[in-house]
Structures are given as C-alpha cells and as structure tokens.
Amino acid sequence: MHRAWILFFLIEEGFALAQRTKDSPGDPGGQGPNQNDCGTWVRNINGGVFMSPNYPNTYPPNKECVYILEALPRQRIQLAFDKNYYIEPSFECRFDHIEIRDGPFGFSPLIDRFCGGKNPGLVTSTGRFMWIKFTSDEELEGLGFRIKYTFIADPDFHLHVGGLLNPIPDCQFEIGGWDGIIRSSQVEEEERVKPGDALDCIWTIRAPPQSK
C-alpha cells in the first residue's frame, strides 16, 4: 500500500525547543537568545544575535546547543559571523564545530560545518528556516562565535502589478490519532487557499502519549 506523505514534521526535539520560543515582533532591538542560552527557537522578525556559551570567553566543554531560526514567508535568513571567532580545529570538523543546515531539522540539507580560525563570513539559507548546532567535546576549547542574523527578501518571489505581494493565507493542519493519511488535496478541499495563491502549508502531527 502506497501512501503519499506531504508533511512538515515537528519532531520531539522541535517541540522541546519551541516551548522556549522567542516570539517578539514588537521588540525593536530584535535580540535573540542571550549568552546564557544554549539552544532556542528564534522568531524575532527584526533579526538579532546568538552566541556560543560564555562568549567572548572560552566556551565550556561537552556542550550541544541547537538554534532554529524562522523567518516570515518570502524571506531568507542570513548569518554574519563576528570577526572574533575561533573553534577548535580538527579534520573535517569532527570535534568542536558549528553545523548549519538549510531547513528546520537536523536532517535538513547540510550547508556546511565550520571550525578552526577561518571566519565563515556570510551564510544564507534558501528558505525561511535554519537549523544550527554547536558542539564541543571534553577538551581543547576555543573562543567560540557570535552571530548576527537578519531576514532578507527571497528573490524567488516576484512583485505583482502595483509592486505589492499578495498575502500568503494561513494554511495549517493539526493531525492526531494512531494513523492517518495526509493529502495535498486537503488544501483545496478545506478551502484553505484560492486557486493561484502562493502556498505555505504546514501539517503538524501529534503522536499519542508515549508514541513517536
């Protein structure tokens, strides 16, 4: 039996991080997590900063921090590393490193892993999410990093007549139970969008207790 699954997983790790969401559209400074935070879901529409633990002092050993950045539809995310940057170097960055993925999950396409003393410069997503993980092992710590993130217009979206973008309608589905099927036709069947509208639909699947 073939099932066509078109879905946007909010995995267990995502739920744990989302509980600490920084959802502050009215914050003029647009600041993200502070230096004591180690992993969070960031949705500040004005951008902000995040950094390795203890920055600008040496980061501690045995840390794993995951940051998930979320921009508005029709935007991309751009990271700018501070010039004061150093992560323990290793072959293929197998030890201390910062890993950046083009999407909201740990299995999203890998942009790159960074370590050593060479500043990564600017890193840009192709969509509106970024998944970033900083890992340190038990020895040879370094200065770490400080990253400023900004949201930029997605060049793949084009202006309509009059120089305005049509608003993207809300298109979200909440699904539970022990099993089920997700169909792209649900979007039209439930009249979530009009024909010809841009799509940005999310299916959130919530498993029963003690299930995955």
N, C-alpha and C. Protein backbone atom coordinates (compact mmCIF):
# COMPACT_ATOMS: atom_id res chain seq x y z
N MET A 1 0.85 -1.19 0.00
CA MET A 1 0.00 0.00 0.00
C MET A 1 0.88 1.23 0.00
N HIS A 2 0.65 2.06 -0.99
CA HIS A 2 1.47 3.25 -1.12
C HIS A 2 0.76 4.43 -0.51
N ARG A 3 1.44 5.14 0.31
CA ARG A 3 0.89 6.36 0.92
C ARG A 3 1.75 7.55 0.54
N ALA A 4 1.10 8.58 0.10
CA ALA A 4 1.83 9.79 -0.25
C ALA A 4 1.81 10.73 0.94
N TRP A 5 2.95 10.93 1.49
CA TRP A 5 3.05 11.78 2.69
C TRP A 5 3.68 13.12 2.30
N ILE A 6 2.92 14.17 2.46
CA ILE A 6 3.46 15.51 2.27
C ILE A 6 3.34 16.20 3.61
N LEU A 7 4.41 16.27 4.33
CA LEU A 7 4.25 16.71 5.71
C LEU A 7 5.45 17.49 6.19
N PHE A 8 5.18 18.21 7.24
CA PHE A 8 6.19 19.06 7.87
C PHE A 8 6.31 18.58 9.31
N PHE A 9 7.31 17.72 9.59
CA PHE A 9 7.43 17.11 10.91
C PHE A 9 7.87 18.14 11.95
N LEU A 10 7.16 18.14 13.07
CA LEU A 10 7.67 18.83 14.25
C LEU A 10 8.09 17.72 15.20
N ILE A 11 9.34 17.35 15.09
CA ILE A 11 9.83 16.21 15.84
C ILE A 11 9.98 16.56 17.32
N GLU A 12 10.28 15.54 18.11
CA GLU A 12 10.33 15.72 19.57
C GLU A 12 11.28 16.83 19.96
N GLU A 13 12.43 16.92 19.27
CA GLU A 13 13.39 17.96 19.58
C GLU A 13 12.80 19.33 19.28
N GLY A 14 12.07 19.42 18.16
CA GLY A 14 11.46 20.69 17.79
C GLY A 14 10.45 21.14 18.82
N PHE A 15 9.63 20.21 19.35
CA PHE A 15 8.65 20.57 20.37
C PHE A 15 9.33 21.10 21.62
N ALA A 16 10.43 20.43 22.03
CA ALA A 16 11.12 20.87 23.24
C ALA A 16 11.68 22.28 23.07
N LEU A 17 12.21 22.55 21.88
CA LEU A 17 12.77 23.87 21.64
C LEU A 17 11.68 24.92 21.51
N ALA A 18 10.58 24.54 20.88
CA ALA A 18 9.51 25.50 20.65
C ALA A 18 8.90 25.98 21.96
N GLN A 19 9.01 25.18 23.01
CA GLN A 19 8.48 25.60 24.30
C GLN A 19 9.21 26.82 24.84
N ARG A 20 10.42 27.09 24.27
CA ARG A 20 11.18 28.25 24.71
C ARG A 20 11.23 29.31 23.62
N THR A 21 10.20 29.34 22.77
CA THR A 21 10.17 30.25 21.62
C THR A 21 10.32 31.70 22.05
N LYS A 22 11.16 32.43 21.29
CA LYS A 22 11.29 33.87 21.46
C LYS A 22 10.43 34.53 20.41
N ASP A 23 9.18 34.80 20.69
CA ASP A 23 8.23 35.30 19.71
C ASP A 23 7.93 36.75 20.04
N SER A 24 8.77 37.67 19.56
CA SER A 24 8.66 39.05 19.99
C SER A 24 8.69 40.03 18.83
N PRO A 25 7.58 40.12 18.02
CA PRO A 25 7.56 41.00 16.88
C PRO A 25 7.64 42.46 17.26
N GLY A 26 7.32 42.81 18.50
CA GLY A 26 7.36 44.21 18.87
C GLY A 26 8.68 44.64 19.47
N ASP A 27 9.65 43.76 19.51
CA ASP A 27 10.93 44.07 20.12
C ASP A 27 11.77 44.88 19.15
N PRO A 28 11.99 46.17 19.38
CA PRO A 28 12.72 46.98 18.42
C PRO A 28 14.16 46.57 18.27
N GLY A 29 14.74 45.98 19.32
CA GLY A 29 16.12 45.56 19.22
C GLY A 29 16.28 44.25 18.50
N GLY A 30 15.22 43.45 18.47
CA GLY A 30 15.27 42.17 17.78
C GLY A 30 16.31 41.23 18.33
N GLN A 31 16.54 41.26 19.61
CA GLN A 31 17.58 40.41 20.18
C GLN A 31 17.07 38.99 20.34
N GLY A 32 17.94 38.03 20.02
CA GLY A 32 17.61 36.64 20.19
C GLY A 32 18.08 36.17 21.56
N PRO A 33 18.54 34.92 21.66
CA PRO A 33 18.96 34.38 22.94
C PRO A 33 20.18 35.12 23.48
N ASN A 34 20.29 35.21 24.80
CA ASN A 34 21.47 35.85 25.36
C ASN A 34 22.57 34.81 25.56
N GLN A 35 23.70 35.26 26.13
CA GLN A 35 24.87 34.39 26.18
C GLN A 35 24.69 33.21 27.12
N ASN A 36 23.67 33.25 27.96
CA ASN A 36 23.44 32.12 28.85
C ASN A 36 22.53 31.07 28.23
N ASP A 37 21.90 31.40 27.11
CA ASP A 37 21.05 30.43 26.44
C ASP A 37 21.89 29.44 25.66
N CYS A 38 21.40 28.23 25.55
CA CYS A 38 22.09 27.23 24.75
C CYS A 38 21.04 26.47 23.97
N GLY A 39 20.61 27.06 22.88
CA GLY A 39 19.59 26.44 22.05
C GLY A 39 18.23 27.06 22.27
N THR A 40 17.57 27.44 21.20
CA THR A 40 16.24 28.03 21.29
C THR A 40 15.63 28.11 19.90
N TRP A 41 14.34 28.35 19.85
CA TRP A 41 13.63 28.57 18.59
C TRP A 41 13.42 30.07 18.46
N VAL A 42 13.98 30.68 17.43
CA VAL A 42 14.01 32.13 17.31
C VAL A 42 13.09 32.59 16.19
N ARG A 43 12.18 33.53 16.52
CA ARG A 43 11.25 34.02 15.51
C ARG A 43 11.15 35.54 15.55
N ASN A 44 12.19 36.21 16.01
CA ASN A 44 12.17 37.67 16.06
C ASN A 44 12.21 38.23 14.65
N ILE A 45 11.21 39.00 14.26
CA ILE A 45 11.10 39.43 12.87
C ILE A 45 12.12 40.50 12.52
N ASN A 46 12.75 41.13 13.52
CA ASN A 46 13.74 42.16 13.24
C ASN A 46 15.17 41.63 13.24
N GLY A 47 15.35 40.33 13.41
CA GLY A 47 16.69 39.77 13.49
C GLY A 47 17.24 39.87 14.90
N GLY A 48 18.50 39.53 15.06
CA GLY A 48 19.09 39.56 16.40
C GLY A 48 20.44 38.87 16.39
N VAL A 49 20.87 38.40 17.56
CA VAL A 49 22.17 37.75 17.69
C VAL A 49 22.05 36.51 18.58
N PHE A 50 22.95 35.57 18.39
CA PHE A 50 23.14 34.48 19.34
C PHE A 50 24.61 34.11 19.33
N MET A 51 25.05 33.40 20.36
CA MET A 51 26.48 33.16 20.51
C MET A 51 26.73 31.86 21.26
N SER A 52 27.96 31.42 21.20
CA SER A 52 28.33 30.23 21.95
C SER A 52 28.33 30.55 23.44
N PRO A 53 28.12 29.56 24.29
CA PRO A 53 28.10 29.81 25.74
C PRO A 53 29.38 30.47 26.23
N ASN A 54 29.23 31.48 27.09
CA ASN A 54 30.34 32.22 27.72
C ASN A 54 31.03 33.22 26.80
N TYR A 55 30.62 33.31 25.54
CA TYR A 55 31.28 34.26 24.63
C TYR A 55 31.21 35.67 25.22
N PRO A 56 32.29 36.47 25.16
CA PRO A 56 33.55 36.27 24.42
C PRO A 56 34.62 35.50 25.19
N ASN A 57 34.26 34.84 26.27
CA ASN A 57 35.21 33.97 26.95
C ASN A 57 35.13 32.56 26.37
N THR A 58 36.06 31.73 26.75
CA THR A 58 36.15 30.37 26.20
C THR A 58 34.87 29.58 26.47
N TYR A 59 34.37 28.91 25.46
CA TYR A 59 33.16 28.09 25.66
C TYR A 59 33.49 26.86 26.50
N PRO A 60 32.53 26.33 27.23
CA PRO A 60 32.78 25.18 28.12
C PRO A 60 32.83 23.87 27.32
N PRO A 61 33.37 22.82 27.93
CA PRO A 61 33.40 21.51 27.27
C PRO A 61 32.04 20.82 27.33
N ASN A 62 31.89 19.82 26.47
CA ASN A 62 30.72 18.94 26.48
C ASN A 62 29.40 19.70 26.38
N LYS A 63 29.33 20.60 25.42
CA LYS A 63 28.10 21.34 25.18
C LYS A 63 27.51 20.96 23.84
N GLU A 64 26.18 20.99 23.77
CA GLU A 64 25.48 20.80 22.50
C GLU A 64 24.30 21.77 22.50
N CYS A 65 24.35 22.76 21.63
CA CYS A 65 23.33 23.80 21.56
C CYS A 65 22.72 23.82 20.17
N VAL A 66 21.40 23.76 20.11
CA VAL A 66 20.69 23.79 18.83
C VAL A 66 19.87 25.06 18.75
N TYR A 67 20.03 25.80 17.67
CA TYR A 67 19.26 27.01 17.42
C TYR A 67 18.46 26.82 16.14
N ILE A 68 17.18 27.14 16.19
CA ILE A 68 16.34 27.07 15.00
C ILE A 68 15.83 28.47 14.69
N LEU A 69 16.17 28.97 13.52
CA LEU A 69 15.76 30.30 13.10
C LEU A 69 14.60 30.20 12.13
N GLU A 70 13.60 31.04 12.32
CA GLU A 70 12.42 31.03 11.47
C GLU A 70 12.13 32.45 10.99
N ALA A 71 12.09 32.64 9.69
CA ALA A 71 11.73 33.92 9.08
C ALA A 71 10.28 33.87 8.63
N LEU A 72 9.77 35.00 8.23
CA LEU A 72 8.43 35.05 7.66
C LEU A 72 8.42 34.45 6.26
N PRO A 73 7.25 34.04 5.75
CA PRO A 73 7.19 33.58 4.35
C PRO A 73 7.76 34.63 3.41
N ARG A 74 8.37 34.16 2.32
CA ARG A 74 9.00 35.00 1.31
C ARG A 74 10.27 35.69 1.80
N GLN A 75 10.87 35.14 2.87
CA GLN A 75 12.13 35.66 3.35
C GLN A 75 13.16 34.54 3.47
N ARG A 76 14.42 34.94 3.44
CA ARG A 76 15.52 34.03 3.72
C ARG A 76 16.28 34.54 4.94
N ILE A 77 17.18 33.69 5.45
CA ILE A 77 17.94 34.01 6.65
C ILE A 77 19.40 34.18 6.27
N GLN A 78 20.02 35.24 6.77
CA GLN A 78 21.44 35.48 6.51
C GLN A 78 22.19 35.59 7.83
N LEU A 79 23.26 34.83 7.97
CA LEU A 79 24.09 34.84 9.16
C LEU A 79 25.37 35.60 8.87
N ALA A 80 25.79 36.43 9.82
CA ALA A 80 27.06 37.15 9.72
C ALA A 80 27.86 36.87 10.98
N PHE A 81 29.00 36.18 10.85
CA PHE A 81 29.83 35.83 11.99
C PHE A 81 30.67 37.03 12.42
N ASP A 82 30.77 37.24 13.74
CA ASP A 82 31.64 38.28 14.28
C ASP A 82 33.09 37.93 13.95
N LYS A 83 33.91 38.97 13.77
CA LYS A 83 35.31 38.75 13.39
C LYS A 83 36.08 38.00 14.47
N ASN A 84 35.68 38.16 15.74
CA ASN A 84 36.32 37.41 16.82
C ASN A 84 35.71 36.01 16.87
N TYR A 85 36.39 35.09 16.23
CA TYR A 85 35.83 33.74 16.03
C TYR A 85 36.95 32.72 16.11
N TYR A 86 36.73 31.65 16.88
CA TYR A 86 37.68 30.54 16.89
C TYR A 86 37.03 29.33 17.54
N ILE A 87 37.04 28.21 16.81
CA ILE A 87 36.55 26.93 17.31
C ILE A 87 37.66 25.91 17.10
N GLU A 88 37.88 25.08 18.07
CA GLU A 88 38.96 24.07 17.99
C GLU A 88 39.00 23.43 16.60
N PRO A 89 40.14 23.52 15.90
CA PRO A 89 40.23 22.92 14.57
C PRO A 89 40.39 21.40 14.64
N SER A 90 39.86 20.72 13.63
CA SER A 90 40.04 19.27 13.52
C SER A 90 39.74 18.86 12.08
N PHE A 91 40.20 17.68 11.69
CA PHE A 91 39.96 17.19 10.34
C PHE A 91 38.47 16.99 10.12
N GLU A 92 37.94 17.61 9.08
CA GLU A 92 36.52 17.57 8.74
C GLU A 92 35.64 18.05 9.89
N CYS A 93 36.23 18.84 10.79
CA CYS A 93 35.49 19.40 11.94
C CYS A 93 34.75 18.31 12.71
N ARG A 94 35.47 17.24 13.02
CA ARG A 94 34.85 16.11 13.70
C ARG A 94 34.65 16.35 15.19
N PHE A 95 35.42 17.28 15.75
CA PHE A 95 35.30 17.52 17.19
C PHE A 95 34.46 18.77 17.42
N ASP A 96 35.01 19.82 18.02
CA ASP A 96 34.23 21.04 18.20
C ASP A 96 33.86 21.62 16.83
N HIS A 97 32.62 22.04 16.68
CA HIS A 97 32.20 22.61 15.39
C HIS A 97 30.84 23.28 15.52
N ILE A 98 30.52 24.06 14.52
CA ILE A 98 29.16 24.58 14.36
C ILE A 98 28.64 24.07 13.02
N GLU A 99 27.47 23.47 13.05
CA GLU A 99 26.87 22.84 11.88
C GLU A 99 25.62 23.61 11.48
N ILE A 100 25.51 23.97 10.22
CA ILE A 100 24.39 24.78 9.74
C ILE A 100 23.65 24.02 8.65
N ARG A 101 22.33 23.89 8.81
CA ARG A 101 21.52 23.16 7.84
C ARG A 101 20.42 24.05 7.27
N ASP A 102 20.07 23.78 6.03
CA ASP A 102 19.15 24.62 5.26
C ASP A 102 17.71 24.14 5.47
N GLY A 103 17.19 24.39 6.65
CA GLY A 103 15.85 23.94 6.99
C GLY A 103 15.72 23.90 8.50
N PRO A 104 14.57 23.42 9.02
CA PRO A 104 14.34 23.48 10.47
C PRO A 104 14.76 22.23 11.25
N PHE A 105 15.36 21.23 10.60
CA PHE A 105 15.62 19.96 11.27
C PHE A 105 17.07 19.52 11.15
N GLY A 106 17.43 18.57 12.00
CA GLY A 106 18.77 18.01 11.97
C GLY A 106 19.04 17.16 10.75
N PHE A 107 18.01 16.83 9.98
CA PHE A 107 18.20 16.07 8.74
C PHE A 107 17.97 16.95 7.51
N SER A 108 17.81 18.26 7.70
CA SER A 108 17.70 19.18 6.57
C SER A 108 19.03 19.21 5.82
N PRO A 109 19.03 19.65 4.54
CA PRO A 109 20.29 19.65 3.77
C PRO A 109 21.40 20.44 4.47
N LEU A 110 22.56 19.85 4.50
CA LEU A 110 23.71 20.47 5.16
C LEU A 110 24.26 21.62 4.32
N ILE A 111 24.39 22.79 4.93
CA ILE A 111 25.09 23.90 4.29
C ILE A 111 26.59 23.73 4.48
N ASP A 112 27.03 23.59 5.74
CA ASP A 112 28.45 23.33 6.00
C ASP A 112 28.67 23.14 7.49
N ARG A 113 29.85 22.58 7.80
CA ARG A 113 30.34 22.53 9.18
C ARG A 113 31.55 23.45 9.25
N PHE A 114 31.65 24.20 10.37
CA PHE A 114 32.73 25.15 10.50
C PHE A 114 33.49 24.91 11.79
N CYS A 115 34.83 25.08 11.73
CA CYS A 115 35.68 25.03 12.90
C CYS A 115 36.98 25.72 12.54
N GLY A 116 37.92 25.76 13.48
CA GLY A 116 39.19 26.41 13.22
C GLY A 116 39.11 27.92 13.38
N GLY A 117 40.06 28.62 12.77
CA GLY A 117 40.15 30.06 12.93
C GLY A 117 39.69 30.85 11.74
N LYS A 118 39.32 30.20 10.64
CA LYS A 118 38.87 30.92 9.45
C LYS A 118 37.40 31.31 9.61
N ASN A 119 37.13 32.60 9.59
CA ASN A 119 35.77 33.10 9.78
C ASN A 119 34.88 32.68 8.61
N PRO A 120 33.71 32.08 8.88
CA PRO A 120 32.83 31.66 7.79
C PRO A 120 32.24 32.81 6.98
N GLY A 121 32.26 34.03 7.52
CA GLY A 121 31.69 35.17 6.78
C GLY A 121 30.17 35.13 6.77
N LEU A 122 29.57 35.33 5.58
CA LEU A 122 28.12 35.32 5.44
C LEU A 122 27.63 33.93 5.02
N VAL A 123 26.55 33.48 5.64
CA VAL A 123 25.91 32.21 5.28
C VAL A 123 24.43 32.49 5.10
N THR A 124 23.87 32.07 3.96
CA THR A 124 22.48 32.40 3.62
C THR A 124 21.68 31.13 3.34
N SER A 125 20.45 31.09 3.82
CA SER A 125 19.56 29.96 3.58
C SER A 125 18.89 30.10 2.21
N THR A 126 18.27 29.02 1.75
CA THR A 126 17.47 29.09 0.52
C THR A 126 15.98 29.19 0.83
N GLY A 127 15.63 29.02 2.11
CA GLY A 127 14.23 29.11 2.53
C GLY A 127 14.12 29.93 3.80
N ARG A 128 13.03 29.74 4.54
CA ARG A 128 12.80 30.59 5.70
C ARG A 128 13.14 29.94 7.03
N PHE A 129 13.87 28.83 7.00
CA PHE A 129 14.31 28.18 8.24
C PHE A 129 15.80 27.88 8.18
N MET A 130 16.43 27.86 9.36
CA MET A 130 17.80 27.39 9.50
C MET A 130 17.90 26.59 10.78
N TRP A 131 18.66 25.51 10.73
CA TRP A 131 18.94 24.67 11.89
C TRP A 131 20.44 24.75 12.15
N ILE A 132 20.81 25.13 13.37
CA ILE A 132 22.22 25.38 13.69
C ILE A 132 22.56 24.65 14.98
N LYS A 133 23.62 23.86 14.96
CA LYS A 133 24.04 23.13 16.16
C LYS A 133 25.50 23.42 16.45
N PHE A 134 25.77 23.80 17.70
CA PHE A 134 27.14 23.97 18.16
C PHE A 134 27.48 22.82 19.10
N THR A 135 28.62 22.18 18.87
CA THR A 135 29.04 21.03 19.66
C THR A 135 30.47 21.23 20.13
N SER A 136 30.72 20.96 21.42
CA SER A 136 32.09 20.95 21.94
C SER A 136 32.34 19.62 22.65
N ASP A 137 33.57 19.14 22.53
CA ASP A 137 33.90 17.88 23.19
C ASP A 137 34.50 18.15 24.57
N GLU A 138 35.23 17.18 25.11
CA GLU A 138 35.68 17.29 26.50
C GLU A 138 37.01 18.02 26.66
N GLU A 139 37.65 18.44 25.55
CA GLU A 139 38.96 19.09 25.69
C GLU A 139 39.21 20.10 24.58
N LEU A 140 40.20 20.98 24.78
CA LEU A 140 40.65 21.98 23.81
C LEU A 140 39.51 22.91 23.36
N GLU A 141 39.08 23.74 24.30
CA GLU A 141 38.02 24.70 23.96
C GLU A 141 38.61 25.93 23.27
N GLY A 142 37.73 26.76 22.69
CA GLY A 142 38.16 27.96 22.00
C GLY A 142 37.29 29.15 22.35
N LEU A 143 37.52 30.26 21.67
CA LEU A 143 36.76 31.48 21.91
C LEU A 143 35.28 31.32 21.59
N GLY A 144 34.99 30.59 20.51
CA GLY A 144 33.60 30.42 20.09
C GLY A 144 33.19 31.41 19.03
N PHE A 145 31.91 31.80 19.05
CA PHE A 145 31.38 32.63 17.97
C PHE A 145 30.27 33.53 18.48
N ARG A 146 30.04 34.57 17.73
CA ARG A 146 28.87 35.44 17.90
C ARG A 146 28.31 35.69 16.51
N ILE A 147 27.01 35.44 16.33
CA ILE A 147 26.40 35.51 15.01
C ILE A 147 25.24 36.51 15.02
N LYS A 148 25.25 37.40 14.06
CA LYS A 148 24.11 38.29 13.85
C LYS A 148 23.27 37.70 12.72
N TYR A 149 21.97 37.55 12.95
CA TYR A 149 21.11 37.02 11.90
C TYR A 149 20.12 38.11 11.45
N THR A 150 19.89 38.15 10.16
CA THR A 150 18.93 39.08 9.58
C THR A 150 18.06 38.32 8.58
N PHE A 151 16.89 38.87 8.31
CA PHE A 151 15.98 38.28 7.35
C PHE A 151 15.96 39.15 6.10
N ILE A 152 16.16 38.52 4.96
CA ILE A 152 16.23 39.24 3.70
C ILE A 152 15.15 38.72 2.76
N ALA A 153 14.79 39.53 1.78
CA ALA A 153 13.74 39.14 0.82
C ALA A 153 14.20 37.94 0.00
N ASP A 154 13.28 37.02 -0.26
CA ASP A 154 13.56 35.86 -1.10
C ASP A 154 13.44 36.28 -2.56
N PRO A 155 14.53 36.25 -3.31
CA PRO A 155 14.47 36.71 -4.71
C PRO A 155 13.64 35.82 -5.62
N ASP A 156 13.25 34.63 -5.14
CA ASP A 156 12.44 33.74 -5.98
C ASP A 156 10.98 34.17 -6.03
N PHE A 157 10.57 35.09 -5.14
CA PHE A 157 9.22 35.64 -5.19
C PHE A 157 9.26 36.97 -5.92
N HIS A 158 8.29 37.18 -6.79
CA HIS A 158 8.28 38.37 -7.63
C HIS A 158 7.09 39.26 -7.27
N LEU A 159 7.28 40.55 -7.46
CA LEU A 159 6.22 41.51 -7.19
C LEU A 159 5.12 41.41 -8.23
N HIS A 160 3.87 41.61 -7.80
CA HIS A 160 2.75 41.65 -8.71
C HIS A 160 2.54 43.07 -9.22
N VAL A 161 1.60 43.24 -10.09
CA VAL A 161 1.30 44.56 -10.63
C VAL A 161 1.01 45.52 -9.48
N GLY A 162 1.62 46.70 -9.51
CA GLY A 162 1.46 47.65 -8.44
C GLY A 162 2.56 47.57 -7.40
N GLY A 163 3.48 46.59 -7.57
CA GLY A 163 4.62 46.49 -6.67
C GLY A 163 4.32 45.89 -5.32
N LEU A 164 3.21 45.13 -5.20
CA LEU A 164 2.83 44.54 -3.93
C LEU A 164 2.78 43.03 -4.03
N LEU A 165 3.05 42.38 -2.93
CA LEU A 165 2.92 40.93 -2.85
C LEU A 165 1.57 40.57 -2.26
N ASN A 166 0.88 39.61 -2.87
CA ASN A 166 -0.36 39.13 -2.28
C ASN A 166 -0.04 38.44 -0.96
N PRO A 167 -0.84 38.64 0.08
CA PRO A 167 -0.58 37.98 1.35
C PRO A 167 -0.73 36.47 1.21
N ILE A 168 0.12 35.73 1.93
CA ILE A 168 0.02 34.27 1.92
C ILE A 168 -0.99 33.86 2.97
N PRO A 169 -2.05 33.13 2.59
CA PRO A 169 -3.09 32.76 3.56
C PRO A 169 -2.59 31.74 4.57
N ASP A 170 -3.24 31.72 5.73
CA ASP A 170 -2.90 30.74 6.75
C ASP A 170 -3.32 29.36 6.27
N CYS A 171 -2.40 28.42 6.28
CA CYS A 171 -2.69 27.07 5.75
C CYS A 171 -2.01 26.06 6.68
N GLN A 172 -2.64 25.78 7.80
CA GLN A 172 -2.07 24.86 8.78
C GLN A 172 -3.08 23.78 9.16
N PHE A 173 -2.58 22.58 9.37
CA PHE A 173 -3.41 21.44 9.71
C PHE A 173 -2.87 20.79 10.98
N GLU A 174 -3.75 20.49 11.93
CA GLU A 174 -3.39 19.77 13.15
C GLU A 174 -3.95 18.35 13.04
N ILE A 175 -3.08 17.35 13.17
CA ILE A 175 -3.49 15.96 12.97
C ILE A 175 -3.05 15.14 14.17
N GLY A 176 -3.91 14.23 14.63
CA GLY A 176 -3.58 13.33 15.73
C GLY A 176 -4.07 11.93 15.42
N GLY A 177 -4.18 11.10 16.46
CA GLY A 177 -4.65 9.73 16.28
C GLY A 177 -3.51 8.77 16.06
N TRP A 178 -3.87 7.49 15.91
CA TRP A 178 -2.87 6.44 15.79
C TRP A 178 -2.34 6.26 14.37
N ASP A 179 -3.12 6.68 13.38
CA ASP A 179 -2.63 6.63 12.00
C ASP A 179 -3.46 7.59 11.16
N GLY A 180 -3.10 7.73 9.93
CA GLY A 180 -3.84 8.63 9.06
C GLY A 180 -3.08 8.87 7.77
N ILE A 181 -3.68 9.65 6.91
CA ILE A 181 -3.08 9.97 5.60
C ILE A 181 -3.15 11.48 5.40
N ILE A 182 -2.06 12.02 4.87
CA ILE A 182 -2.02 13.44 4.51
C ILE A 182 -2.07 13.54 3.00
N ARG A 183 -2.95 14.41 2.50
CA ARG A 183 -3.09 14.58 1.06
C ARG A 183 -2.96 16.05 0.71
N SER A 184 -2.27 16.34 -0.38
CA SER A 184 -2.17 17.73 -0.83
C SER A 184 -3.55 18.27 -1.22
N SER A 185 -4.47 17.38 -1.59
CA SER A 185 -5.82 17.81 -1.99
C SER A 185 -6.60 18.41 -0.82
N GLN A 186 -6.13 18.15 0.44
CA GLN A 186 -6.81 18.73 1.59
C GLN A 186 -6.82 20.25 1.53
N VAL A 187 -5.80 20.82 0.92
CA VAL A 187 -5.70 22.28 0.85
C VAL A 187 -6.90 22.87 0.12
N GLU A 188 -7.26 22.26 -1.01
CA GLU A 188 -8.40 22.75 -1.78
C GLU A 188 -9.72 22.29 -1.17
N GLU A 189 -9.76 21.03 -0.69
CA GLU A 189 -11.00 20.50 -0.13
C GLU A 189 -11.48 21.33 1.05
N GLU A 190 -10.57 21.81 1.87
CA GLU A 190 -10.94 22.59 3.03
C GLU A 190 -10.88 24.09 2.76
N GLU A 191 -10.68 24.44 1.49
CA GLU A 191 -10.70 25.84 1.04
C GLU A 191 -9.73 26.70 1.86
N ARG A 192 -8.51 26.18 2.03
CA ARG A 192 -7.50 26.95 2.76
C ARG A 192 -6.90 28.06 1.89
N VAL A 193 -6.89 27.85 0.60
CA VAL A 193 -6.35 28.85 -0.32
C VAL A 193 -7.23 28.94 -1.55
N LYS A 194 -7.09 30.02 -2.27
CA LYS A 194 -7.80 30.19 -3.53
C LYS A 194 -6.90 29.76 -4.68
N PRO A 195 -7.49 29.33 -5.81
CA PRO A 195 -6.66 28.93 -6.96
C PRO A 195 -5.71 30.04 -7.37
N GLY A 196 -4.45 29.68 -7.58
CA GLY A 196 -3.46 30.65 -8.00
C GLY A 196 -2.71 31.33 -6.87
N ASP A 197 -3.15 31.12 -5.61
CA ASP A 197 -2.46 31.73 -4.47
C ASP A 197 -1.15 31.00 -4.18
N ALA A 198 -0.20 31.74 -3.59
CA ALA A 198 1.03 31.11 -3.12
C ALA A 198 0.71 30.19 -1.94
N LEU A 199 1.50 29.13 -1.79
CA LEU A 199 1.26 28.15 -0.73
C LEU A 199 2.38 28.15 0.28
N ASP A 200 2.03 28.03 1.54
CA ASP A 200 2.98 27.79 2.61
C ASP A 200 2.21 27.03 3.68
N CYS A 201 2.05 25.73 3.46
CA CYS A 201 1.18 24.90 4.30
C CYS A 201 2.00 24.01 5.23
N ILE A 202 1.53 23.87 6.46
CA ILE A 202 2.21 23.07 7.47
C ILE A 202 1.23 22.05 8.05
N TRP A 203 1.63 20.78 8.05
CA TRP A 203 0.88 19.73 8.73
C TRP A 203 1.62 19.41 10.03
N THR A 204 0.98 19.58 11.17
CA THR A 204 1.57 19.25 12.47
C THR A 204 0.94 17.95 12.95
N ILE A 205 1.77 16.92 13.13
CA ILE A 205 1.30 15.60 13.56
C ILE A 205 1.67 15.40 15.02
N ARG A 206 0.66 15.20 15.86
CA ARG A 206 0.91 14.99 17.28
C ARG A 206 0.61 13.52 17.61
N ALA A 207 1.66 12.82 18.01
CA ALA A 207 1.51 11.40 18.32
C ALA A 207 0.84 11.23 19.68
N PRO A 208 0.14 10.11 19.90
CA PRO A 208 -0.43 9.84 21.23
C PRO A 208 0.68 9.74 22.28
N PRO A 209 0.34 9.86 23.55
CA PRO A 209 1.35 9.76 24.61
C PRO A 209 2.18 8.49 24.51
N GLN A 210 3.47 8.60 24.80
CA GLN A 210 4.43 7.51 24.79
C GLN A 210 4.55 6.86 23.41
N SER A 211 4.29 7.67 22.37
CA SER A 211 4.43 7.17 20.99
C SER A 211 5.28 8.14 20.20
N LYS A 212 5.79 7.70 19.09
CA LYS A 212 6.58 8.53 18.18
C LYS A 212 5.88 8.58 16.83
